[in-house]
């Protein structure tokens, strides 16, 4: 049986431009976070990835936050009360 690798990362925000609900990442720092997460997942061969506190909302498309080798995310997007 293969070992299953699960990784949880608190990203403390993947910000977007023009309010919290956009399809453009706010700055290179947010893109850097996703790029670094991609590297971790590739290097460690992560099977399941959990990202917490992304601070995105339902109007942010999956392709903006997608990671190589993973399916579309299961999301619990923010609302006026949080996410």
N, C-alpha and C. Protein backbone atom coordinates (compact mmCIF):
# COMPACT_ATOMS: atom_id res chain seq x y z
N UNK A 1 0.84 -1.18 0.00
CA UNK A 1 0.00 0.00 0.00
C UNK A 1 0.88 1.25 0.00
N UNK A 2 0.50 2.22 -0.82
CA UNK A 2 1.24 3.47 -0.94
C UNK A 2 0.96 4.38 0.25
N UNK A 3 1.99 5.10 0.71
CA UNK A 3 1.80 6.09 1.76
C UNK A 3 1.13 7.33 1.19
N UNK A 4 0.17 7.85 1.92
CA UNK A 4 -0.56 9.05 1.51
C UNK A 4 0.06 10.24 2.22
N UNK A 5 0.47 11.25 1.46
CA UNK A 5 1.08 12.44 2.05
C UNK A 5 0.08 13.58 2.03
N UNK A 6 -0.20 14.11 3.22
CA UNK A 6 -1.14 15.22 3.37
C UNK A 6 -0.38 16.41 3.94
N UNK A 7 -0.60 17.58 3.37
CA UNK A 7 0.08 18.79 3.81
C UNK A 7 -0.95 19.88 4.07
N UNK A 8 -0.83 20.56 5.20
CA UNK A 8 -1.68 21.71 5.52
C UNK A 8 -0.81 22.94 5.66
N UNK A 9 -1.20 24.01 4.96
CA UNK A 9 -0.44 25.26 5.00
C UNK A 9 -1.40 26.41 5.28
N UNK A 10 -1.10 27.21 6.29
CA UNK A 10 -1.83 28.44 6.54
C UNK A 10 -1.15 29.53 5.72
N UNK A 11 -1.77 29.94 4.62
CA UNK A 11 -1.13 30.89 3.71
C UNK A 11 -1.34 32.34 4.13
N UNK A 12 -2.24 32.57 5.08
CA UNK A 12 -2.53 33.92 5.58
C UNK A 12 -2.74 34.91 4.45
N UNK A 13 -3.57 34.51 3.49
CA UNK A 13 -4.00 35.41 2.43
C UNK A 13 -3.32 35.20 1.10
N UNK A 14 -4.14 34.96 0.10
CA UNK A 14 -3.72 35.02 -1.31
C UNK A 14 -4.58 36.15 -1.85
N UNK A 15 -4.07 37.35 -1.78
CA UNK A 15 -4.86 38.55 -2.06
C UNK A 15 -5.14 38.72 -3.54
N UNK A 16 -6.23 39.41 -3.82
CA UNK A 16 -6.60 39.73 -5.19
C UNK A 16 -6.84 41.23 -5.33
N UNK A 17 -6.68 41.72 -6.56
CA UNK A 17 -6.84 43.14 -6.85
C UNK A 17 -8.31 43.53 -6.89
N UNK A 18 -8.59 44.82 -6.81
CA UNK A 18 -9.94 45.35 -6.94
C UNK A 18 -10.90 44.66 -5.98
N UNK A 19 -10.74 44.89 -4.74
CA UNK A 19 -11.49 44.28 -3.66
C UNK A 19 -10.99 42.87 -3.41
N UNK A 20 -11.61 42.19 -2.51
CA UNK A 20 -11.17 40.84 -2.17
C UNK A 20 -11.64 39.82 -3.19
N UNK A 21 -12.46 40.23 -4.15
CA UNK A 21 -13.08 39.27 -5.07
C UNK A 21 -12.71 39.59 -6.51
N UNK A 22 -11.54 39.23 -6.92
CA UNK A 22 -11.10 39.48 -8.28
C UNK A 22 -10.41 38.24 -8.82
N UNK A 23 -10.14 38.28 -10.12
CA UNK A 23 -9.48 37.14 -10.75
C UNK A 23 -8.04 37.46 -11.11
N UNK A 24 -7.50 38.52 -10.52
CA UNK A 24 -6.11 38.90 -10.76
C UNK A 24 -5.40 38.94 -9.42
N UNK A 25 -4.31 38.21 -9.31
CA UNK A 25 -3.57 38.25 -8.05
C UNK A 25 -3.03 39.65 -7.82
N UNK A 26 -3.09 40.09 -6.58
CA UNK A 26 -2.77 41.46 -6.21
C UNK A 26 -1.33 41.84 -6.50
N UNK A 27 -0.40 40.98 -6.20
CA UNK A 27 1.00 41.34 -6.39
C UNK A 27 1.83 40.09 -6.58
N UNK A 28 3.09 40.31 -6.85
CA UNK A 28 3.97 39.17 -7.09
C UNK A 28 4.14 38.33 -5.82
N UNK A 29 3.95 38.93 -4.66
CA UNK A 29 4.09 38.19 -3.41
C UNK A 29 3.05 37.06 -3.30
N UNK A 30 1.82 37.35 -3.70
CA UNK A 30 0.79 36.32 -3.69
C UNK A 30 1.12 35.21 -4.68
N UNK A 31 1.60 35.59 -5.87
CA UNK A 31 2.00 34.57 -6.86
C UNK A 31 3.18 33.78 -6.34
N UNK A 32 4.11 34.46 -5.65
CA UNK A 32 5.26 33.76 -5.07
C UNK A 32 4.81 32.71 -4.06
N UNK A 33 3.78 33.03 -3.29
CA UNK A 33 3.26 32.04 -2.32
C UNK A 33 2.81 30.79 -3.04
N UNK A 34 2.04 30.98 -4.12
CA UNK A 34 1.55 29.82 -4.87
C UNK A 34 2.69 29.07 -5.53
N UNK A 35 3.67 29.79 -6.04
CA UNK A 35 4.82 29.14 -6.66
C UNK A 35 5.61 28.32 -5.63
N UNK A 36 5.79 28.88 -4.44
CA UNK A 36 6.49 28.16 -3.37
C UNK A 36 5.71 26.92 -2.93
N UNK A 37 4.39 27.06 -2.86
CA UNK A 37 3.56 25.90 -2.49
C UNK A 37 3.69 24.82 -3.55
N UNK A 38 3.70 25.23 -4.84
CA UNK A 38 3.90 24.27 -5.93
C UNK A 38 5.21 23.51 -5.76
N UNK A 39 6.27 24.23 -5.45
CA UNK A 39 7.58 23.60 -5.25
C UNK A 39 7.56 22.60 -4.10
N UNK A 40 6.95 22.98 -3.00
CA UNK A 40 6.84 22.08 -1.84
C UNK A 40 6.10 20.81 -2.24
N UNK A 41 4.99 20.98 -2.94
CA UNK A 41 4.18 19.81 -3.34
C UNK A 41 4.94 18.89 -4.29
N UNK A 42 5.69 19.46 -5.20
CA UNK A 42 6.47 18.65 -6.13
C UNK A 42 7.62 17.95 -5.42
N UNK A 43 8.36 18.71 -4.60
CA UNK A 43 9.51 18.14 -3.89
C UNK A 43 9.11 17.05 -2.91
N UNK A 44 8.02 17.25 -2.22
CA UNK A 44 7.59 16.31 -1.18
C UNK A 44 6.57 15.28 -1.69
N UNK A 45 6.18 15.42 -2.94
CA UNK A 45 5.18 14.53 -3.56
C UNK A 45 3.90 14.44 -2.72
N UNK A 46 3.32 15.62 -2.50
CA UNK A 46 2.11 15.74 -1.69
C UNK A 46 0.91 15.21 -2.47
N UNK A 47 0.08 14.40 -1.82
CA UNK A 47 -1.13 13.86 -2.44
C UNK A 47 -2.35 14.74 -2.17
N UNK A 48 -2.46 15.22 -0.95
CA UNK A 48 -3.60 16.06 -0.55
C UNK A 48 -3.04 17.33 0.08
N UNK A 49 -3.51 18.47 -0.42
CA UNK A 49 -3.04 19.76 0.08
C UNK A 49 -4.22 20.54 0.65
N UNK A 50 -4.06 21.04 1.85
CA UNK A 50 -5.08 21.87 2.50
C UNK A 50 -4.50 23.26 2.70
N UNK A 51 -5.12 24.26 2.10
CA UNK A 51 -4.70 25.64 2.29
C UNK A 51 -5.73 26.34 3.16
N UNK A 52 -5.28 26.94 4.24
CA UNK A 52 -6.20 27.65 5.13
C UNK A 52 -5.92 29.14 5.07
N UNK A 53 -6.94 29.91 5.42
CA UNK A 53 -6.87 31.38 5.46
C UNK A 53 -6.40 31.98 4.15
N UNK A 54 -6.96 31.49 3.03
CA UNK A 54 -6.61 32.05 1.73
C UNK A 54 -7.22 33.44 1.54
N UNK A 55 -8.33 33.69 2.20
CA UNK A 55 -9.03 34.98 2.15
C UNK A 55 -9.48 35.33 0.73
N UNK A 56 -9.96 34.33 0.01
CA UNK A 56 -10.53 34.56 -1.31
C UNK A 56 -12.04 34.38 -1.21
N UNK A 57 -12.75 34.82 -2.23
CA UNK A 57 -14.21 34.68 -2.23
C UNK A 57 -14.67 33.95 -3.49
N UNK A 58 -15.94 33.69 -3.57
CA UNK A 58 -16.50 32.85 -4.63
C UNK A 58 -16.29 33.41 -6.03
N UNK A 59 -16.04 34.71 -6.17
CA UNK A 59 -15.85 35.30 -7.49
C UNK A 59 -14.42 35.11 -8.02
N UNK A 60 -13.53 34.56 -7.21
CA UNK A 60 -12.17 34.25 -7.66
C UNK A 60 -12.19 32.91 -8.37
N UNK A 61 -11.78 32.90 -9.63
CA UNK A 61 -11.79 31.66 -10.42
C UNK A 61 -10.73 30.68 -9.93
N UNK A 62 -11.03 29.41 -10.10
CA UNK A 62 -10.08 28.36 -9.72
C UNK A 62 -8.76 28.47 -10.47
N UNK A 63 -8.80 28.93 -11.74
CA UNK A 63 -7.56 28.99 -12.51
C UNK A 63 -6.57 30.01 -11.93
N UNK A 64 -7.04 30.97 -11.15
CA UNK A 64 -6.16 31.95 -10.52
C UNK A 64 -5.37 31.31 -9.38
N UNK A 65 -5.97 30.34 -8.72
CA UNK A 65 -5.34 29.72 -7.55
C UNK A 65 -4.95 28.27 -7.78
N UNK A 66 -5.02 27.83 -9.01
CA UNK A 66 -4.74 26.42 -9.30
C UNK A 66 -3.26 26.09 -9.09
N UNK A 67 -3.02 24.84 -8.74
CA UNK A 67 -1.66 24.35 -8.51
C UNK A 67 -1.42 23.15 -9.42
N UNK A 68 -0.20 23.03 -9.92
CA UNK A 68 0.16 21.94 -10.84
C UNK A 68 -0.09 20.58 -10.20
N UNK A 69 -0.72 19.70 -10.96
CA UNK A 69 -0.89 18.33 -10.51
C UNK A 69 -2.06 18.10 -9.58
N UNK A 70 -2.84 19.14 -9.28
CA UNK A 70 -3.99 18.99 -8.40
C UNK A 70 -5.28 19.28 -9.15
N UNK A 71 -6.34 18.64 -8.73
CA UNK A 71 -7.67 18.91 -9.29
C UNK A 71 -8.17 20.25 -8.77
N UNK A 72 -9.31 20.71 -9.32
CA UNK A 72 -9.92 21.93 -8.81
C UNK A 72 -10.14 21.80 -7.31
N UNK A 73 -9.91 22.88 -6.58
CA UNK A 73 -10.00 22.80 -5.12
C UNK A 73 -11.42 22.70 -4.61
N UNK A 74 -11.54 22.05 -3.46
CA UNK A 74 -12.77 22.14 -2.68
C UNK A 74 -12.63 23.42 -1.87
N UNK A 75 -13.61 24.31 -1.96
CA UNK A 75 -13.46 25.63 -1.37
C UNK A 75 -14.56 25.93 -0.35
N UNK A 76 -14.18 26.70 0.65
CA UNK A 76 -15.12 27.25 1.61
C UNK A 76 -14.82 28.76 1.65
N UNK A 77 -15.36 29.47 0.63
CA UNK A 77 -15.01 30.87 0.42
C UNK A 77 -15.57 31.78 1.50
N UNK A 78 -14.91 32.92 1.62
CA UNK A 78 -15.31 33.94 2.59
C UNK A 78 -16.66 34.54 2.24
N UNK A 79 -17.37 34.96 3.28
CA UNK A 79 -18.56 35.78 3.11
C UNK A 79 -18.41 36.93 4.11
N UNK A 80 -19.48 37.63 4.41
CA UNK A 80 -19.36 38.76 5.34
C UNK A 80 -18.94 38.33 6.72
N UNK A 81 -19.08 37.05 7.04
CA UNK A 81 -18.72 36.54 8.36
C UNK A 81 -17.40 35.79 8.37
N UNK A 82 -16.70 35.74 7.25
CA UNK A 82 -15.47 34.99 7.15
C UNK A 82 -15.67 33.78 6.25
N UNK A 83 -14.79 32.79 6.34
CA UNK A 83 -14.92 31.64 5.46
C UNK A 83 -14.76 30.35 6.17
